[in-house]
C-alpha atoms as a PDB file:
ATOM      1  CA  MET A   1       0.112   0.438   0.200  1.00  0.00           C
ATOM      2  CA  ILE A   2       1.059   4.001  -0.713  1.00  0.00           C
ATOM      3  CA  ALA A   3       2.024   5.627   1.662  1.00  0.00           C
ATOM      4  CA  ARG A   4      -0.916   9.179   1.858  1.00  0.00           C
ATOM      5  CA  PRO A   5       1.926  11.653   1.246  1.00  0.00           C
ATOM      6  CA  ALA A   6       3.906   9.197  -1.681  1.00  0.00           C
ATOM      7  CA  LEU A   7       0.064   8.982  -3.048  1.00  0.00           C
ATOM      8  CA  GLN A   8      -0.764  12.481  -3.233  1.00  0.00           C
ATOM      9  CA  LEU A   9       2.774  13.368  -5.090  1.00  0.00           C
ATOM     10  CA  LEU A  10       2.187  10.526  -7.456  1.00  0.00           C
ATOM     11  CA  LEU A  11      -1.202  11.821  -8.482  1.00  0.00           C
ATOM     12  CA  LEU A  12      -0.071  15.846  -9.137  1.00  0.00           C
ATOM     13  CA  THR A  13       2.975  14.475 -10.853  1.00  0.00           C
ATOM     14  CA  LEU A  14       0.682  12.486 -13.490  1.00  0.00           C
ATOM     15  CA  GLY A  15      -1.077  15.377 -13.289  1.00  0.00           C
ATOM     16  CA  ALA A  16       0.914  17.613 -13.933  1.00  0.00           C
ATOM     17  CA  CYS A  17       2.461  15.561 -16.610  1.00  0.00           C
ATOM     18  CA  SER A  18      -0.441  15.071 -18.402  1.00  0.00           C
ATOM     19  CA  GLY A  19      -3.554  17.412 -20.548  1.00  0.00           C
ATOM     20  CA  PHE A  20      -3.585  20.257 -22.112  1.00  0.00           C
ATOM     21  CA  ARG A  21      -2.917  23.286 -19.700  1.00  0.00           C
ATOM     22  CA  ALA A  22      -2.485  26.980 -18.942  1.00  0.00           C
ATOM     23  CA  VAL A  23       1.286  27.161 -17.869  1.00  0.00           C
ATOM     24  CA  GLY A  24       1.187  30.832 -18.291  1.00  0.00           C
ATOM     25  CA  ASN A  25      -0.672  34.301 -19.790  1.00  0.00           C
ATOM     26  CA  ASP A  26      -1.804  32.800 -22.898  1.00  0.00           C
ATOM     27  CA  VAL A  27       1.201  29.849 -23.083  1.00  0.00           C
ATOM     28  CA  PHE A  28       0.090  26.704 -23.037  1.00  0.00           C
ATOM     29  CA  ARG A  29       1.713  22.955 -22.502  1.00  0.00           C
ATOM     30  CA  CYS A  30       0.285  19.319 -23.616  1.00  0.00           C
ATOM     31  CA  PRO A  31       1.972  15.838 -24.150  1.00  0.00           C
ATOM     32  CA  GLN A  32       1.952  15.214 -27.629  1.00  0.00           C
ATOM     33  CA  PRO A  33      -1.654  16.100 -28.676  1.00  0.00           C
ATOM     34  CA  GLY A  34      -3.077  14.744 -31.815  1.00  0.00           C
ATOM     35  CA  GLU A  35      -4.022  16.849 -34.220  1.00  0.00           C
ATOM     36  CA  ASP A  36      -7.915  17.528 -34.126  1.00  0.00           C
ATOM     37  CA  GLN A  37      -6.979  17.875 -30.354  1.00  0.00           C
ATOM     38  CA  LEU A  38      -4.484  19.935 -31.127  1.00  0.00           C
ATOM     39  CA  ALA A  39      -6.529  21.599 -33.825  1.00  0.00           C
ATOM     40  CA  ARG A  40      -9.314  22.711 -31.609  1.00  0.00           C
ATOM     41  CA  ALA A  41      -6.874  24.341 -28.775  1.00  0.00           C
ATOM     42  CA  ILE A  42      -5.776  26.453 -31.187  1.00  0.00           C
ATOM     43  CA  ALA A  43      -9.337  27.578 -32.035  1.00  0.00           C
ATOM     44  CA  ALA A  44     -10.735  27.631 -28.757  1.00  0.00           C
ATOM     45  CA  HIS A  45      -7.562  29.560 -27.316  1.00  0.00           C
ATOM     46  CA  GLY A  46      -6.773  31.653 -30.095  1.00  0.00           C
ATOM     47  CA  ILE A  47      -2.682  29.956 -29.839  1.00  0.00           C
ATOM     48  CA  ARG A  48      -0.784  32.066 -32.577  1.00  0.00           C
ATOM     49  CA  THR A  49       2.263  29.442 -32.668  1.00  0.00           C
ATOM     50  CA  VAL A  50       2.812  26.103 -31.755  1.00  0.00           C
ATOM     51  CA  VAL A  51       6.285  25.228 -30.838  1.00  0.00           C
ATOM     52  CA  SER A  52       7.243  20.981 -30.491  1.00  0.00           C
ATOM     53  CA  LEU A  53       9.882  20.231 -28.755  1.00  0.00           C
ATOM     54  CA  ARG A  54      10.196  16.067 -30.303  1.00  0.00           C
ATOM     55  CA  GLY A  55      12.419  15.386 -33.016  1.00  0.00           C
ATOM     56  CA  ASP A  56      11.490  14.561 -36.017  1.00  0.00           C
ATOM     57  CA  GLY A  57       8.486  11.958 -36.682  1.00  0.00           C
ATOM     58  CA  ASP A  58       4.659  11.503 -36.971  1.00  0.00           C
ATOM     59  CA  GLY A  59       3.613  13.285 -33.787  1.00  0.00           C
ATOM     60  CA  THR A  60       5.663  15.912 -35.161  1.00  0.00           C
ATOM     61  CA  ALA A  61       4.346  15.945 -38.682  1.00  0.00           C
ATOM     62  CA  ALA A  62       0.617  16.079 -37.522  1.00  0.00           C
ATOM     63  CA  THR A  63       0.829  19.217 -34.948  1.00  0.00           C
ATOM     64  CA  ALA A  64       2.619  21.052 -38.287  1.00  0.00           C
ATOM     65  CA  ARG A  65      -0.672  19.908 -40.057  1.00  0.00           C
ATOM     66  CA  ALA A  66      -2.565  20.998 -37.176  1.00  0.00           C
ATOM     67  CA  ALA A  67      -0.701  24.463 -36.291  1.00  0.00           C
ATOM     68  CA  THR A  68      -0.356  25.079 -40.241  1.00  0.00           C
ATOM     69  CA  GLY A  69      -3.979  24.191 -41.277  1.00  0.00           C
ATOM     70  CA  ALA A  70      -4.922  27.053 -38.434  1.00  0.00           C
ATOM     71  CA  GLY A  71      -2.678  29.827 -40.462  1.00  0.00           C
ATOM     72  CA  ILE A  72      -0.534  29.398 -37.349  1.00  0.00           C
ATOM     73  CA  ALA A  73       3.660  29.607 -37.102  1.00  0.00           C
ATOM     74  CA  PHE A  74       4.835  26.063 -36.509  1.00  0.00           C
ATOM     75  CA  ARG A  75       8.570  25.493 -35.112  1.00  0.00           C
ATOM     76  CA  ASN A  76       9.935  22.531 -33.798  1.00  0.00           C
ATOM     77  CA  VAL A  77      13.056  23.162 -31.396  1.00  0.00           C
ATOM     78  CA  ARG A  78      14.081  19.569 -31.227  1.00  0.00           C
ATOM     79  CA  MET A  79      15.195  18.575 -27.184  1.00  0.00           C
ATOM     80  CA  SER A  80      16.137  15.397 -25.086  1.00  0.00           C
ATOM     81  CA  ALA A  81      14.696  14.108 -22.444  1.00  0.00           C
ATOM     82  CA  THR A  82      17.954  13.010 -21.018  1.00  0.00           C
ATOM     83  CA  ARG A  83      20.327  15.707 -21.963  1.00  0.00           C
ATOM     84  CA  LEU A  84      20.639  19.108 -21.501  1.00  0.00           C
ATOM     85  CA  PRO A  85      20.278  21.615 -24.278  1.00  0.00           C
ATOM     86  CA  LYS A  86      22.865  23.645 -26.226  1.00  0.00           C
ATOM     87  CA  PRO A  87      22.727  27.128 -25.486  1.00  0.00           C
ATOM     88  CA  ALA A  88      21.557  27.262 -29.222  1.00  0.00           C
ATOM     89  CA  THR A  89      19.115  25.256 -28.829  1.00  0.00           C
ATOM     90  CA  LEU A  90      17.632  27.480 -26.088  1.00  0.00           C
ATOM     91  CA  LEU A  91      17.746  30.423 -27.656  1.00  0.00           C
ATOM     92  CA  ALA A  92      16.053  29.356 -30.424  1.00  0.00           C
END
């Protein structure tokens, strides 16, 4: 059985790592949304730019299609989940 503080931390961590949510004024985050989900979020929240932090692949292509289909800017800035980014990556 998981102790109550550990369970609360686990639930908080899971909540922080999933779903579309605001992280600041007019700034949102979402872990790899589907193309339709992202298109709806763009329309609902007036999003003007989508930044993908993944490498190339099907998920990034779907994100790019949703952004360009909505007529907004799309940027792909590859970052690693296991290594610190280079300064040039952060500046991008």
